Structures are given as C-alpha cells and as structure tokens.
Protein backbone atom coordinates (compact mmCIF):
# COMPACT_ATOMS: atom_id res chain seq x y z
CA UNK A 1 150.62 107.57 45.48
CA UNK A 2 150.71 103.90 46.43
CA UNK A 3 151.17 102.78 50.02
CA UNK A 4 152.34 99.28 50.81
CA UNK A 5 151.92 98.02 54.35
CA UNK A 6 154.66 95.81 55.71
CA UNK A 7 154.01 92.29 56.99
CA UNK A 8 153.83 93.39 60.63
CA UNK A 9 151.26 96.08 59.88
CA UNK A 10 149.13 93.67 57.84
CA UNK A 11 149.29 91.11 60.63
CA UNK A 12 148.25 93.72 63.20
CA UNK A 13 145.23 94.79 61.15
CA UNK A 14 144.34 91.16 60.44
CA UNK A 15 144.47 90.20 64.10
CA UNK A 16 142.15 93.06 65.04
CA UNK A 17 139.76 92.11 62.25
CA UNK A 18 139.65 88.49 63.42
CA UNK A 19 139.12 89.49 67.06
CA UNK A 20 136.32 91.93 66.25
CA UNK A 21 134.65 89.53 63.80
CA UNK A 22 134.32 87.01 66.62
CA UNK A 23 133.07 89.60 69.13
CA UNK A 24 129.53 89.93 67.75
CA UNK A 25 129.68 93.72 67.68
CA UNK A 26 126.01 94.32 66.61
CA UNK A 27 124.82 92.93 69.95
CA UNK A 28 127.49 94.95 71.79
CA UNK A 29 126.35 98.12 70.00
CA UNK A 30 122.69 97.57 70.87
CA UNK A 31 123.55 96.99 74.54
CA UNK A 32 125.69 100.13 74.57
CA UNK A 33 122.86 102.15 73.01
CA UNK A 34 120.52 101.03 75.82
CA UNK A 35 123.01 102.19 78.46
CA UNK A 36 124.36 98.73 79.26
CA UNK A 37 128.14 98.95 78.75
CA UNK A 38 129.15 95.57 80.25
CA UNK A 39 129.94 93.78 76.98
CA UNK A 40 131.31 96.99 75.50
CA UNK A 41 133.76 97.38 78.39
CA UNK A 42 134.88 93.77 77.98
CA UNK A 43 135.54 94.38 74.28
CA UNK A 44 137.29 97.66 75.16
CA UNK A 45 139.71 95.76 77.39
CA UNK A 46 140.57 93.37 74.57
CA UNK A 47 141.17 96.30 72.20
CA UNK A 48 143.50 97.85 74.78
CA UNK A 49 145.34 94.53 75.21
CA UNK A 50 145.98 94.60 71.45
CA UNK A 51 147.85 97.87 72.02
CA UNK A 52 145.51 100.25 70.21
CA UNK A 53 145.44 103.01 72.83
CA UNK A 54 149.19 102.81 73.38
CA UNK A 55 149.79 103.86 69.77
CA UNK A 56 149.24 107.53 70.68
CA UNK A 57 151.30 107.49 73.89
CA UNK A 58 155.12 107.78 74.19
CA UNK A 59 157.01 104.82 75.57
CA UNK A 60 158.15 106.72 78.67
CA UNK A 61 154.50 106.93 79.70
CA UNK A 62 153.80 103.23 79.17
CA UNK A 63 152.67 103.46 75.56
CA UNK A 64 154.09 101.99 72.38
CA UNK A 65 155.33 105.32 71.05
CA UNK A 66 153.46 107.59 68.67
CA UNK A 67 152.57 105.48 65.62
CA UNK A 68 149.86 107.25 63.59
CA UNK A 69 150.02 104.75 60.71
CA UNK A 70 149.29 101.79 62.96
CA UNK A 71 146.64 103.85 64.78
CA UNK A 72 144.94 104.53 61.45
CA UNK A 73 145.00 100.83 60.57
CA UNK A 74 143.44 100.00 63.93
CA UNK A 75 140.67 102.55 63.52
CA UNK A 76 139.82 101.27 60.05
CA UNK A 77 139.03 97.93 61.69
CA UNK A 78 137.19 99.58 64.59
CA UNK A 79 135.05 101.40 62.04
CA UNK A 80 134.58 98.30 59.90
CA UNK A 81 133.03 96.60 62.92
CA UNK A 82 131.27 99.76 64.23
CA UNK A 83 132.76 99.33 67.72
CA UNK A 84 130.93 101.66 70.14
CA UNK A 85 132.41 103.90 72.79
CA UNK A 86 134.60 107.02 73.02
CA UNK A 87 137.45 105.53 71.03
CA UNK A 88 138.53 108.72 69.29
CA UNK A 89 138.01 110.75 72.46
CA UNK A 90 140.30 108.43 74.43
CA UNK A 91 143.06 108.98 71.86
CA UNK A 92 142.49 112.75 72.00
CA UNK A 93 142.53 112.68 75.80
CA UNK A 94 145.83 110.79 75.79
CA UNK A 95 147.34 113.46 73.53
CA UNK A 96 145.96 116.28 75.69
CA UNK A 97 147.37 114.98 78.99
CA UNK A 98 150.65 113.32 77.99
CA UNK A 99 152.75 116.50 78.38
CA UNK A 100 151.33 117.35 81.81
CA UNK A 101 153.45 116.93 84.95
CA UNK A 102 150.54 114.83 86.23
CA UNK A 103 150.37 112.64 83.10
CA UNK A 104 151.03 109.50 85.14
CA UNK A 105 147.69 110.01 86.86
CA UNK A 106 145.85 109.36 83.62
CA UNK A 107 147.90 107.59 80.95
CA UNK A 108 148.44 104.11 82.47
CA UNK A 109 144.69 103.56 82.82
CA UNK A 110 143.99 104.81 79.29
CA UNK A 111 146.68 102.60 77.76
CA UNK A 112 145.57 99.53 79.74
CA UNK A 113 141.89 100.06 78.94
CA UNK A 114 140.81 100.26 82.57
CA UNK A 115 139.79 103.89 82.00
CA UNK A 116 137.63 105.35 79.25
CA UNK A 117 138.04 109.04 78.46
CA UNK A 118 135.82 111.58 76.81
CA UNK A 119 136.45 115.18 75.79
CA UNK A 120 133.90 117.96 75.52
CA UNK A 121 135.13 120.43 72.92
CA UNK A 122 134.19 123.86 71.64
CA UNK A 123 133.46 124.40 67.98
CA UNK A 124 135.48 125.14 64.89
CA UNK A 125 138.48 127.39 65.39
CA UNK A 126 138.14 127.13 69.13
CA UNK A 127 139.45 123.57 68.85
CA UNK A 128 142.73 124.86 67.46
CA UNK A 129 143.15 127.98 69.61
CA UNK A 130 141.71 129.20 72.87
CA UNK A 131 138.18 130.40 72.18
CA UNK A 132 137.56 134.11 72.46
CA UNK A 133 134.80 135.37 74.72
CA UNK A 134 131.38 135.26 73.13
CA UNK A 135 130.51 138.36 71.12
CA UNK A 136 127.00 139.70 70.66
CA UNK A 137 125.48 139.55 67.21
CA UNK A 138 125.42 142.83 65.24
CA UNK A 139 122.41 144.94 66.13
CA UNK A 140 120.26 144.37 63.06
CA UNK A 141 117.04 143.83 64.90
CA UNK A 142 115.82 141.24 67.38
CA UNK A 143 116.72 137.67 66.48
CA UNK A 144 113.77 135.59 65.43
CA UNK A 145 115.72 132.44 66.19
CA UNK A 146 118.60 132.18 68.66
CA UNK A 147 119.66 128.70 69.69
CA UNK A 148 123.00 127.62 71.11
CA UNK A 149 125.18 125.41 68.96
CA UNK A 150 126.44 122.33 70.75
CA UNK A 151 129.99 120.91 70.65
CA UNK A 152 128.65 117.83 68.87
CA UNK A 153 126.57 118.76 65.81
CA UNK A 154 124.43 115.63 66.11
CA UNK A 155 121.62 117.50 67.92
CA UNK A 156 121.68 120.01 65.02
CA UNK A 157 121.12 123.11 67.16
CA UNK A 158 122.36 126.40 65.65
CA UNK A 159 122.51 130.01 66.79
CA UNK A 160 120.60 131.90 64.10
CA UNK A 161 119.45 135.49 63.72
CA UNK A 162 117.25 137.20 61.15
CA UNK A 163 117.65 140.73 59.84
CA UNK A 164 114.40 142.67 60.11
CA UNK A 165 115.26 145.34 57.55
CA UNK A 166 112.70 144.76 54.74
CA UNK A 167 115.33 145.78 52.18
CA UNK A 168 117.58 142.83 53.05
CA UNK A 169 115.64 139.98 54.56
CA UNK A 170 118.02 137.16 55.31
CA UNK A 171 118.72 134.45 57.84
CA UNK A 172 122.29 134.33 59.10
CA UNK A 173 124.53 132.59 61.58
CA UNK A 174 125.14 134.78 64.61
CA UNK A 175 128.77 134.97 65.84
CA UNK A 176 129.77 133.66 69.20
CA UNK A 177 128.37 130.87 71.30
CA UNK A 178 126.14 130.86 74.29
CA UNK A 179 128.37 130.64 77.39
CA UNK A 180 125.50 129.00 79.24
CA UNK A 181 125.18 126.19 76.70
CA UNK A 182 126.23 122.82 78.11
CA UNK A 183 129.38 121.07 76.95
CA UNK A 184 128.28 117.80 75.35
CA UNK A 185 130.66 114.86 75.50
CA UNK A 186 130.42 111.45 73.87
CA UNK A 187 129.60 108.62 76.29
CA UNK A 188 130.43 110.69 79.36
CA UNK A 189 128.08 108.49 81.38
CA UNK A 190 130.39 105.52 80.76
CA UNK A 191 133.73 107.39 80.86
CA UNK A 192 135.94 107.44 83.93
CA UNK A 193 138.03 110.42 82.75
CA UNK A 194 136.00 113.45 81.63
CA UNK A 195 137.88 116.40 80.13
CA UNK A 196 136.49 119.74 78.97
CA UNK A 197 138.30 122.21 76.72
CA UNK A 198 137.30 125.70 77.86
CA UNK A 199 138.41 129.26 77.33
CA UNK A 200 140.78 128.99 80.30
CA UNK A 201 142.35 125.66 79.32
CA UNK A 202 141.80 121.97 79.99
CA UNK A 203 139.61 121.10 82.96
CA UNK A 204 138.27 117.98 84.59
CA UNK A 205 134.55 117.44 84.87
CA UNK A 206 133.68 115.55 88.01
CA UNK A 207 130.29 114.26 86.90
CA UNK A 208 127.69 114.42 84.17
CA UNK A 209 125.46 117.50 84.33
CA UNK A 210 122.38 115.66 83.15
CA UNK A 211 121.07 112.54 81.47
CA UNK A 212 122.37 111.45 78.05
CA UNK A 213 120.75 113.09 75.04
CA UNK A 214 119.65 111.33 71.89
CA UNK A 215 121.96 111.41 68.92
CA UNK A 216 121.48 110.51 65.29
CA UNK A 217 123.58 107.42 66.03
CA UNK A 218 121.99 105.61 69.01
CA UNK A 219 125.43 104.29 70.00
CA UNK A 220 126.76 107.85 70.37
CA UNK A 221 125.36 108.91 73.74
CA UNK A 222 125.79 112.66 74.23
CA UNK A 223 126.02 113.77 77.84
CA UNK A 224 126.25 117.36 79.14
CA UNK A 225 129.29 118.13 81.28
CA UNK A 226 130.06 120.99 83.63
CA UNK A 227 133.76 121.99 83.78
CA UNK A 228 133.71 122.12 87.55
CA UNK A 229 136.92 120.24 88.31
CA UNK A 230 140.64 120.87 88.46
CA UNK A 231 142.32 123.06 85.86
CA UNK A 232 144.95 120.72 84.44
CA UNK A 233 146.67 123.24 82.15
CA UNK A 234 145.87 126.68 80.76
CA UNK A 235 147.59 125.83 77.47
CA UNK A 236 146.62 122.33 76.26
CA UNK A 237 147.92 121.08 72.88
CA UNK A 238 144.61 121.74 71.13
CA UNK A 239 145.79 121.49 67.54
CA UNK A 240 147.80 118.31 68.13
CA UNK A 241 144.82 116.64 69.82
CA UNK A 242 142.53 117.77 67.02
CA UNK A 243 144.91 116.37 64.42
CA UNK A 244 145.06 112.93 66.07
CA UNK A 245 141.30 112.90 66.61
CA UNK A 246 140.60 113.77 62.98
CA UNK A 247 143.03 111.12 61.78
CA UNK A 248 141.25 108.50 63.89
CA UNK A 249 137.84 109.70 62.65
CA UNK A 250 139.02 109.55 59.03
CA UNK A 251 140.24 105.97 59.43
CA UNK A 252 137.11 104.98 61.33
CA UNK A 253 134.90 106.46 58.59
CA UNK A 254 136.89 104.59 55.94
CA UNK A 255 136.23 101.33 57.79
CA UNK A 256 132.52 102.15 58.12
CA UNK A 257 132.30 102.84 54.39
CA UNK A 258 134.09 99.61 53.49
CA UNK A 259 131.72 97.61 55.71
CA UNK A 260 128.68 99.26 54.15
CA UNK A 261 129.96 98.49 50.67
CA UNK A 262 130.73 94.85 51.53
CA UNK A 263 127.29 94.35 53.06
CA UNK A 264 125.57 95.95 50.10
CA UNK A 265 127.50 93.89 47.55
CA UNK A 266 126.52 90.73 49.43
CA UNK A 267 122.88 91.85 49.49
CA UNK A 268 122.61 92.63 45.76
CA UNK A 269 124.10 89.23 44.98
CA UNK A 270 121.40 87.49 47.03
CA UNK A 271 118.40 89.68 46.18
CA UNK A 272 116.74 88.68 42.94
CA UNK A 273 114.27 90.43 40.68
CA UNK A 274 112.90 89.20 37.36
CA UNK A 275 114.74 85.98 38.08
CA UNK A 276 118.26 87.49 38.29
CA UNK A 277 120.33 89.09 41.06
CA UNK A 278 119.74 92.83 41.23
CA UNK A 279 123.50 93.26 41.26
CA UNK A 280 123.48 92.44 37.56
CA UNK A 281 121.52 95.63 36.77
CA UNK A 282 123.62 98.42 35.33
CA UNK A 283 122.15 101.14 37.58
CA UNK A 284 123.04 99.10 40.67
CA UNK A 285 126.56 98.49 39.38
CA UNK A 286 127.02 102.23 38.85
CA UNK A 287 125.99 103.10 42.43
CA UNK A 288 128.37 100.50 43.82
CA UNK A 289 131.17 101.63 41.51
CA UNK A 290 130.73 105.23 42.67
CA UNK A 291 130.96 104.12 46.30
CA UNK A 292 134.01 101.95 45.65
CA UNK A 293 135.76 104.76 43.75
CA UNK A 294 135.13 107.24 46.56
CA UNK A 295 136.50 104.85 49.18
CA UNK A 296 139.57 103.97 47.10
CA UNK A 297 140.33 107.66 46.63
CA UNK A 298 139.99 108.19 50.38
CA UNK A 299 142.29 105.33 51.40
CA UNK A 300 145.61 106.87 50.20
CA UNK A 301 144.65 110.22 51.71
CA UNK A 302 144.12 108.59 55.10
CA UNK A 303 147.39 106.64 54.91
CA UNK A 304 149.24 109.67 53.56
CA UNK A 305 147.96 111.82 56.41
CA UNK A 306 149.11 109.15 58.86
CA UNK A 307 152.61 109.07 57.35
CA UNK A 308 152.94 112.86 57.49
CA UNK A 309 150.28 114.09 59.93
CA UNK A 310 150.11 117.77 59.06
CA UNK A 311 146.81 119.33 60.20
CA UNK A 312 145.75 120.31 56.67
CA UNK A 313 146.51 116.84 55.30
CA UNK A 314 144.56 115.22 58.12
CA UNK A 315 141.63 117.60 57.56
CA UNK A 316 141.62 116.66 53.85
CA UNK A 317 141.70 112.97 54.76
CA UNK A 318 138.82 113.33 57.21
CA UNK A 319 136.75 115.28 54.71
CA UNK A 320 137.33 112.76 51.91
CA UNK A 321 136.90 109.62 54.03
CA UNK A 322 133.74 110.86 55.73
CA UNK A 323 132.19 111.94 52.43
CA UNK A 324 133.11 108.56 50.92
CA UNK A 325 131.49 106.74 53.83
CA UNK A 326 128.40 108.92 53.47
CA UNK A 327 128.28 108.08 49.74
CA UNK A 328 128.50 104.38 50.60
CA UNK A 329 125.76 104.81 53.20
CA UNK A 330 123.39 106.47 50.72
CA UNK A 331 124.02 103.74 48.17
CA UNK A 332 123.52 101.02 50.80
CA UNK A 333 120.25 102.54 51.94
CA UNK A 334 118.86 102.77 48.42
CA UNK A 335 120.00 99.34 47.26
CA UNK A 336 118.72 97.55 50.34
CA UNK A 337 115.26 98.97 49.72
CA UNK A 338 112.73 99.18 52.55
CA UNK A 339 114.69 96.89 54.84
CA UNK A 340 117.49 99.47 54.86
CA UNK A 341 115.24 101.84 56.82
CA UNK A 342 114.60 99.28 59.56
CA UNK A 343 116.34 100.00 62.87
CA UNK A 344 116.27 96.29 63.78
CA UNK A 345 118.32 95.45 60.69
CA UNK A 346 122.06 95.55 61.48
CA UNK A 347 122.80 97.78 58.48
CA UNK A 348 121.35 100.70 60.45
CA UNK A 349 124.25 100.51 62.93
CA UNK A 350 126.68 101.49 60.17
CA UNK A 351 124.34 103.91 58.37
CA UNK A 352 123.86 106.12 61.40
CA UNK A 353 127.53 106.01 62.31
CA UNK A 354 128.56 107.16 58.83
CA UNK A 355 126.33 110.22 59.18
CA UNK A 356 127.48 111.02 62.73
CA UNK A 357 131.20 110.74 61.92
CA UNK A 358 130.75 113.21 59.07
CA UNK A 359 130.46 116.07 61.57
CA UNK A 360 132.40 114.70 64.56
CA UNK A 361 135.57 116.67 65.42
CA UNK A 362 134.96 119.08 62.55
CA UNK A 363 132.25 119.54 59.95
CA UNK A 364 133.02 119.24 56.24
CA UNK A 365 133.03 123.04 56.05
CA UNK A 366 135.56 123.33 58.87
CA UNK A 367 137.83 120.75 57.25
CA UNK A 368 137.64 122.57 53.91
CA UNK A 369 138.51 125.80 55.71
CA UNK A 370 141.57 124.17 57.31
CA UNK A 371 142.79 122.96 53.91
CA UNK A 372 142.15 126.32 52.26
CA UNK A 373 143.85 128.26 55.07
CA UNK A 374 146.93 126.08 54.70
CA UNK A 375 146.98 126.55 50.92
CA UNK A 376 146.61 130.32 51.18
CA UNK A 377 149.44 130.51 53.71
CA UNK A 378 151.75 128.98 51.11
CA UNK A 379 153.08 126.47 53.61
CA UNK A 380 156.82 126.26 52.95
CA UNK A 381 157.84 123.76 55.62
CA UNK A 382 159.33 120.63 54.03
CA UNK A 383 157.20 117.51 54.28
CA UNK A 384 158.63 114.53 56.05
CA UNK A 385 159.58 111.62 53.78
CA UNK A 386 157.53 108.47 53.89
CA UNK A 387 158.85 106.34 56.69
CA UNK A 388 158.74 106.03 60.47
CA UNK A 389 157.15 109.00 62.19
CA UNK A 390 159.42 110.64 64.74
CA UNK A 391 158.59 110.95 68.40
CA UNK A 392 157.70 114.64 68.09
CA UNK A 393 154.27 113.74 66.73
CA UNK A 394 152.15 116.11 64.68
C-alpha cells in the first residue's frame, strides 16, 4: 500500500524538522540526562506551540481534534532528532483524562506545553484491562529467584521461579506481580502531572517516591511513584491510551531508525580504508540495505495504523518499527567501529533510544500477542477507509 501525504502534512513535518534541526538536540539531551531540564523545557514549549500535543485532544477541550496521522508525522521527527522527555506519556495522559468531568483541570496545560505528564503503567494485559490481584506462583518448591518486574522493562528485573523437582529442572516466569513493587514512570521528576494506572483505576501521584533510577537510555529517567493521590476514575480508557501511546512509539522509533541510517551512510562515505570509502565495500552495502529495507517496510505499517488505528494494527506497527530501528542501530554500531561504543559520540544518543523504545509500552512479545489474539478472534468489524479519522478516535 502506498501512502501519499498532502501538501499541508508535508509542510507540517518539514517545519518540525527545521525547528528541531536548529535546536541542537544533542546538547539538550545531555542536559536532560544530567537532570537539568531547562533547555528541554524551552524546546518542549516550542513543540507545543507547533500543535503537537493538541493532535490527541478534541477541539472542545482546546486541542486540534484527534489527528493520529499528523501525530505520527510529528513523532517521526521527534524521534529523528531524539528529543528527550515524556512525549509519549503526555499523549497517553491526554487520552486518559480527556473524558473525565475534570478534564479542564489538566488538558489546557498539556496542550499549551506548560505541563508535562507522565504515566506509570502496569505490564502486559494489565494495560488493556484492569489488572487482577497478584496470584502466588504454583507450589513447585521454593523460588531460587524472585524479583519484581517493573512497569518499564529498562531495568530488566523479572519475577522468576525454579522448579526443584529433579525430574523437571526448569526456570520459569512466575505469574503475578509484586504489589509492593514501585510504579516506575518516565521523567516523573520533571513532570507536573503524574498519573498511575492501578487495579482500582487512574490515580494521581503527588510526588516521586524516590530518586530517579538509571535506564539503558540516559535520557529516559525512571522515577518510582506512589499512587497516593486522588482517584480520578475507576474505569480509565486503558486500551485507547495504549493504542495512542504505541502509535507514537512506533513513529518515534521509525524516526530514530532513519536518523541512525542517515548518520551511518554519511560516516561510511567519509571513512576510508585501503584508499577508498568503506561504503564501497559490498558487506557494508548489504548491512545498510538491510536496515533501509526494514525501515521502508515499517513506514507504511506506521502510516496505515495511523489512518485506521485499530489496536492490533498499531501493535504490528510498533513491533515492526521498533525492530527496524533496532536493526539500524546494530548496523550503525558495527559500521562506526570503536567510536560507535563511545558515550561522548552523539550516535550513542540514538543507539540507546532505539533499544529503550523496543520495550516501551509493550515488549515485542506483547505486541505479537496482540496481533495474534486479533487474528484468532477473526475480527469481522469493517475497517475504516483511508481518509480523515473521525472524532471517535481508536
């Protein structure tokens, strides 16, 4: 399927690209990683002035109406320039609160960029439906390993148990989650609106429950939250928020992958070996061609999911775009050689983001499960034709 953007959409994406190119985002990212958000907040305000956060908010709440295609185009550029901050979380927060009677408390600040929002989420299916109470693992012997799994997989902590029966030694995932485990939220130390999705609904968190934790991506600061504030609603639109968040992640990952490919192509043209650019070597060409092919296959999936934002289509787009970005990251790291491993080199800002986005708002396995569940259901609802997306949203 071929998607053609109209002149207005191309101009919107081009204006964002020009603005972000002039913003010097590598320096902004490094400041943000050190806990200095001043330049990041200034850039955030300019992004809001361009209308990005209003693209997920209906007009009667001060937004521009729900426009997932334009939102996807914006997030491609935000990913291309590796803009830091809880961008996806702010979109998800806007979706979560816009149907509340108290929506006017939150939405004007989010649309205008004066407020930053973050959302601490449970894992997997609990994002789509209210999580069930934690269940104990089957009694197959004492667990040798039992660690809580965090809402953001970046810390890579899993709840594991080992069977002690000598006839069937195996290591397995234990069901349930630790109710005492903290809710980790992206950039909660910088956010002014902190939301937590819990078993009883959507709650405010009044303050961070501890200092930020290290993430694979230094610009993704993970902060524990305690859902100690007001219960906003017992029935938040979990699946709709997840769908918009995954669409934004997919577009952001596509932009990250395109930036990595562009930087790597420029590098192999400059870097010489045996008197010729290394880009002339067939093995190098093949790695770049594989990355380009993966990204070009991902692009129509992202745009198609934006045109008809069904949860399964968006999950497929996120899976494909994030895997394509990860492929581009691996190729970039190899073809840059030793300098690619250097944190001081700007390439690292995109490399780490590609890996972190791969598991944000749903791991590859969870996205595959969403696609497979939809296929097995034999979804019979007619798909919307390509064209303007109605105000009902996903």
